Amino acid sequence: MPRFPPNPERRPAVVTGASSGIGRAVAVALAGAGHPVVVGARRSDQCEDLAASIRDGGGQALAHPLDLADQSSVDAFASAATEALGEIEIVVSNAGRSTAGSVLDTSPDELHATLDVNVEGTHRLVRSLVPAMVGRRRGDIVFVTSDVAERPRPTMAAYVTSKWGLEGYVRSLQMELEGSGVRASIVRPGPTLTGMGMDWDPGVTATVIDTWARWGFARHSSFMRPAAVAEAVLAVVSLPRGIHATTLELQPEAPIEPIDGAIEPIGPAEPQVEEESR
């Protein structure tokens, strides 16, 4: 008998924060790999559109409203997912609240609201779905954090605090789950083209970016696409049992600089074949 029985080919999954950006891309990637998904977010209409799109492409998907700040909403989401798909094998915790503001400008209420979603909301989700995984002795939980947890940025006090706290929470969980057959993984993306922060006042956004540049957080202009981050999440949950990706940080590659005025080719150059003179 194998030391680690393989995961089933069909692995029901839930994805939070799936209405846009990384969460939406993760749901598409999981469905494309043959896993049925339940997608949730506060913007339930966008989740319905996503689920319909996955079904139109031949996948299996269900949308359900989800507010991580509300325990009853989390419980209803977990129950609906399990009833629709069976026991959940993959949990992707991606939902997050992001606001701009320095430490001195962030009110206690705003700090609490961010922690309530990004940390406490994650805990509500874990408590609702992970005990059943432990009982089955298998499962994957992926927590999408941010590189601000490793390199805090100014003018995002609440968000930085929440992501730093979230990674500490996951590291504790990883130790507690050791030997249970359940893998908890951190996927830590850097700058990514998502809708996060798009609702900020333009003047606030400009101030934030200028401040980051002054502290060396904007070395180049490249951003990752959500689909690329989603491929990393899919790779983490697709690893064979017996291998645990504890933390995976992703960063956009800088634009390739020219050499002597020419752009360096990507990959091996195609062989040049001259036609015979006629």
Foldseek 3Di string as FASTA:
>chain_A
DDPFPWDDQAAEEEFEPCLWFLRVLLCLVCQVSPYEYEYEEQPQVSVVVSQVVSVVVVGHYHYAYADLLDLVRLLVSLVVSCVVRNQHAEYEYEDFAFDFAAPVGQDPVNLCVRLSCLPVSVVSNCVNHVVVCLVVLAHEYEYEAACCLVVPAGRGVSNSVSRVVNLVVQVVVQVVCVPSRYAYAYEYEYAEPICHPVPPDPVSVVVRVVRCVVVPNDPADDHHYSNVSSVVVVVQRPDTRPDYHHYHYYYDDHQQDDDPPHGDDDDDDDDDDDDDDD
